[in-house]
Amino acid sequence: MPRKPPPKAAEPSDDSGSEREYDEEEEDREMLEMVAVLKQFQKRKTTKHTARSAAFLAKKDALFAEARRNAENAVKEGVAYIEQYRAKIADLRAREVSHDACLKDMSLFSDREAAIKAVLAAFPPLLDDLSHRRAEAINGTSEMLEAHSAERHQSRRRLIKQAKARIDEEQENQRVATDASALIKHYKALLLS
């Protein structure tokens, strides 16, 4: 801002007054030039700052817009998931079996169990006798196997020898058949030549 000149004092002469006026005008002109330079500097500074600010604001606005879109999508997906799980819960509740039905089924099992216990209570000697007879049969079979172990070993050896003899006999028959077919081929070749 231009500076206001101090109030003029009484001037003793015209020469010094015109000189003072000239100095004041020059001072005002210099002050105006300085203000103009400062304004120009400030203008350049603000244009650089404005360009940077505009780029920053554009990036900021783009980021905010993207964040808003992402938030809207997340809200939509969240609502969809909530609705999906609400439907699943409603389906599960529809298929849910009441505890009264389970208790009714359990009472049927308890009735069956009571009937089985009544049957078993009526025939305890039969069951005890059955288990003793099974134990005796198993023990008798075990004793018989142990008593005849030598006979089993001899029988096994005899069967192995018989099987080996049959295998040897079959191999010999196969050799004889091979030799016979070779001999027949040889005689045919002699007759044809």
Protein backbone atom coordinates (compact mmCIF):
# COMPACT_ATOMS: atom_id res chain seq x y z
CA MET A 1 0.00 0.00 0.00
CA PRO A 2 1.27 3.45 -0.74
CA ARG A 3 2.45 5.31 2.19
CA LYS A 4 0.83 8.58 3.00
CA PRO A 5 3.23 11.43 3.12
CA PRO A 6 3.60 13.11 6.45
CA PRO A 7 1.70 16.36 6.88
CA LYS A 8 3.50 19.20 5.24
CA ALA A 9 5.20 21.71 7.39
CA ALA A 10 5.40 25.30 6.46
CA GLU A 11 7.77 25.66 3.57
CA PRO A 12 10.28 28.40 3.77
CA SER A 13 10.92 28.64 0.04
CA ASP A 14 9.48 27.50 -3.28
CA ASP A 15 12.66 25.76 -4.36
CA SER A 16 12.75 23.43 -1.46
CA GLY A 17 8.99 22.81 -1.87
CA SER A 18 9.30 21.69 -5.48
CA GLU A 19 12.23 19.50 -4.50
CA ARG A 20 10.18 17.93 -1.77
CA GLU A 21 7.30 17.37 -4.13
CA TYR A 22 9.67 15.73 -6.60
CA ASP A 23 11.08 13.47 -3.84
CA GLU A 24 7.61 12.54 -2.69
CA GLU A 25 6.47 11.76 -6.22
CA GLU A 26 9.55 9.64 -6.79
CA GLU A 27 9.00 7.90 -3.49
CA ASP A 28 5.37 7.26 -4.41
CA ARG A 29 6.37 5.95 -7.85
CA GLU A 30 8.97 3.62 -6.31
CA MET A 31 6.44 2.49 -3.79
CA LEU A 32 3.93 1.75 -6.56
CA GLU A 33 6.57 -0.19 -8.51
CA MET A 34 7.43 -2.18 -5.41
CA VAL A 35 3.76 -2.92 -4.80
CA ALA A 36 3.36 -3.97 -8.45
CA VAL A 37 6.40 -6.29 -8.19
CA LEU A 38 5.05 -7.78 -4.98
CA LYS A 39 1.65 -8.30 -6.58
CA GLN A 40 3.25 -9.97 -9.59
CA PHE A 41 5.37 -12.18 -7.32
CA GLN A 42 2.31 -13.05 -5.27
CA LYS A 43 0.39 -13.80 -8.48
CA ARG A 44 3.13 -16.18 -9.72
CA LYS A 45 3.28 -17.83 -6.35
CA THR A 46 -0.47 -18.32 -6.26
CA THR A 47 -0.55 -19.72 -9.83
CA LYS A 48 2.09 -22.32 -8.89
CA HIS A 49 0.28 -22.99 -5.66
CA THR A 50 -3.08 -23.08 -7.46
CA ALA A 51 -1.81 -25.60 -10.03
CA ARG A 52 -0.47 -27.83 -7.27
CA SER A 53 -3.62 -27.33 -5.24
CA ALA A 54 -5.80 -28.12 -8.23
CA ALA A 55 -3.89 -31.36 -8.89
CA PHE A 56 -4.05 -32.26 -5.22
CA LEU A 57 -7.75 -31.44 -5.03
CA ALA A 58 -8.42 -33.50 -8.18
CA LYS A 59 -6.58 -36.49 -6.68
CA LYS A 60 -8.35 -35.99 -3.37
CA ASP A 61 -11.75 -35.80 -5.07
CA ALA A 62 -10.97 -38.93 -7.11
CA LEU A 63 -9.90 -40.81 -3.98
CA PHE A 64 -13.00 -39.70 -2.10
CA ALA A 65 -15.23 -40.70 -5.02
CA GLU A 66 -13.57 -44.12 -5.20
CA ALA A 67 -13.87 -44.53 -1.43
CA ARG A 68 -17.57 -43.63 -1.64
CA ARG A 69 -18.11 -46.18 -4.44
CA ASN A 70 -16.24 -48.84 -2.46
CA ALA A 71 -18.28 -48.03 0.64
CA GLU A 72 -21.53 -48.23 -1.34
CA ASN A 73 -20.47 -51.57 -2.84
CA ALA A 74 -19.50 -52.87 0.59
CA VAL A 75 -22.86 -51.80 1.98
CA LYS A 76 -24.70 -53.49 -0.90
CA GLU A 77 -22.69 -56.70 -0.46
CA GLY A 78 -23.22 -56.59 3.29
CA VAL A 79 -26.95 -56.19 2.86
CA ALA A 80 -26.99 -59.05 0.33
CA TYR A 81 -25.06 -61.32 2.73
CA ILE A 82 -27.37 -60.41 5.59
CA GLU A 83 -30.43 -61.18 3.46
CA GLN A 84 -28.88 -64.45 2.30
CA TYR A 85 -28.17 -65.56 5.85
CA ARG A 86 -31.61 -64.46 7.00
CA ALA A 87 -33.07 -66.71 4.30
CA LYS A 88 -30.81 -69.58 5.44
CA ILE A 89 -31.84 -69.09 9.05
CA ALA A 90 -35.51 -69.03 8.03
CA ASP A 91 -34.98 -72.25 6.03
CA LEU A 92 -33.23 -73.91 8.98
CA ARG A 93 -36.03 -72.85 11.29
CA ALA A 94 -38.58 -74.27 8.86
CA ARG A 95 -36.74 -77.63 8.81
CA GLU A 96 -36.18 -77.61 12.56
CA VAL A 97 -37.67 -80.54 14.44
CA SER A 98 -39.42 -79.58 17.62
CA HIS A 99 -38.23 -81.02 20.89
CA ASP A 100 -41.70 -82.45 21.49
CA ALA A 101 -41.33 -84.71 18.43
CA CYS A 102 -37.90 -85.84 19.65
CA LEU A 103 -39.30 -86.62 23.09
CA LYS A 104 -42.13 -88.59 21.49
CA ASP A 105 -39.62 -90.64 19.47
CA MET A 106 -37.49 -91.20 22.56
CA SER A 107 -40.50 -92.47 24.47
CA LEU A 108 -40.98 -95.10 21.74
CA PHE A 109 -37.40 -96.26 22.26
CA SER A 110 -37.85 -96.38 26.01
CA ASP A 111 -41.01 -98.49 25.50
CA ARG A 112 -39.04 -100.92 23.30
CA GLU A 113 -36.25 -101.05 25.84
CA ALA A 114 -38.73 -101.86 28.58
CA ALA A 115 -40.23 -104.68 26.45
CA ILE A 116 -36.78 -106.16 25.77
CA LYS A 117 -35.89 -106.04 29.45
CA ALA A 118 -39.17 -107.83 30.26
CA VAL A 119 -38.39 -110.60 27.73
CA LEU A 120 -34.84 -110.99 29.03
CA ALA A 121 -36.09 -111.10 32.61
CA ALA A 122 -38.53 -113.88 31.70
CA PHE A 123 -35.80 -116.11 30.24
CA PRO A 124 -32.58 -115.61 32.26
CA PRO A 125 -31.84 -119.36 32.62
CA LEU A 126 -32.10 -119.83 28.85
CA LEU A 127 -29.56 -117.07 28.19
CA ASP A 128 -27.17 -118.33 30.84
CA ASP A 129 -27.45 -121.87 29.47
CA LEU A 130 -26.87 -120.62 25.91
CA SER A 131 -23.68 -118.79 26.84
CA HIS A 132 -22.36 -121.86 28.72
CA ARG A 133 -23.09 -124.12 25.74
CA ARG A 134 -21.28 -121.76 23.37
CA ALA A 135 -18.25 -121.62 25.65
CA GLU A 136 -18.17 -125.44 25.88
CA ALA A 137 -18.40 -125.83 22.09
CA ILE A 138 -15.57 -123.37 21.50
CA ASN A 139 -13.39 -124.99 24.15
CA GLY A 140 -14.05 -128.49 22.72
CA THR A 141 -13.08 -127.39 19.23
CA SER A 142 -9.86 -125.81 20.53
CA GLU A 143 -8.93 -129.00 22.42
CA MET A 144 -9.58 -131.13 19.34
CA LEU A 145 -7.33 -128.91 17.22
CA GLU A 146 -4.55 -129.10 19.80
CA ALA A 147 -4.93 -132.89 20.22
CA HIS A 148 -4.68 -133.62 16.51
CA SER A 149 -1.89 -131.18 15.65
CA ALA A 150 0.58 -134.00 14.80
CA GLU A 151 -1.97 -135.65 12.50
CA ARG A 152 -2.61 -132.28 10.82
CA HIS A 153 1.12 -131.80 10.14
CA GLN A 154 1.40 -135.31 8.66
CA SER A 155 -1.67 -134.78 6.52
CA ARG A 156 -0.30 -131.47 5.28
CA ARG A 157 3.06 -133.06 4.35
CA ARG A 158 1.29 -135.90 2.56
CA LEU A 159 -0.84 -133.42 0.57
CA ILE A 160 2.25 -131.38 -0.36
CA LYS A 161 4.06 -134.53 -1.61
CA GLN A 162 1.04 -135.63 -3.63
CA ALA A 163 0.70 -132.15 -5.18
CA LYS A 164 4.41 -132.10 -6.07
CA ALA A 165 4.16 -135.58 -7.65
CA ARG A 166 1.18 -134.48 -9.75
CA ILE A 167 3.02 -131.34 -10.89
CA ASP A 168 6.08 -133.41 -11.90
CA GLU A 169 3.86 -135.89 -13.74
CA GLU A 170 2.10 -133.09 -15.65
CA GLN A 171 5.43 -131.52 -16.61
CA GLU A 172 6.64 -134.88 -17.92
CA ASN A 173 3.42 -135.32 -19.93
CA GLN A 174 3.93 -131.85 -21.39
CA ARG A 175 7.53 -132.68 -22.42
CA VAL A 176 6.39 -135.92 -24.03
CA ALA A 177 3.66 -134.09 -25.95
CA THR A 178 6.15 -131.46 -27.12
CA ASP A 179 8.63 -134.13 -28.23
CA ALA A 180 5.85 -136.03 -30.02
CA SER A 181 4.70 -132.95 -31.92
CA ALA A 182 8.30 -132.18 -32.89
CA LEU A 183 8.77 -135.79 -34.10
CA ILE A 184 5.56 -135.62 -36.15
CA LYS A 185 6.70 -132.40 -37.80
CA HIS A 186 10.05 -133.98 -38.57
CA TYR A 187 8.42 -137.03 -40.25
CA LYS A 188 6.10 -134.80 -42.25
CA ALA A 189 9.06 -132.80 -43.45
CA LEU A 190 10.83 -136.02 -44.49
CA LEU A 191 7.80 -137.31 -46.34
CA LEU A 192 7.25 -134.04 -48.17
CA SER A 193 10.82 -133.70 -49.29
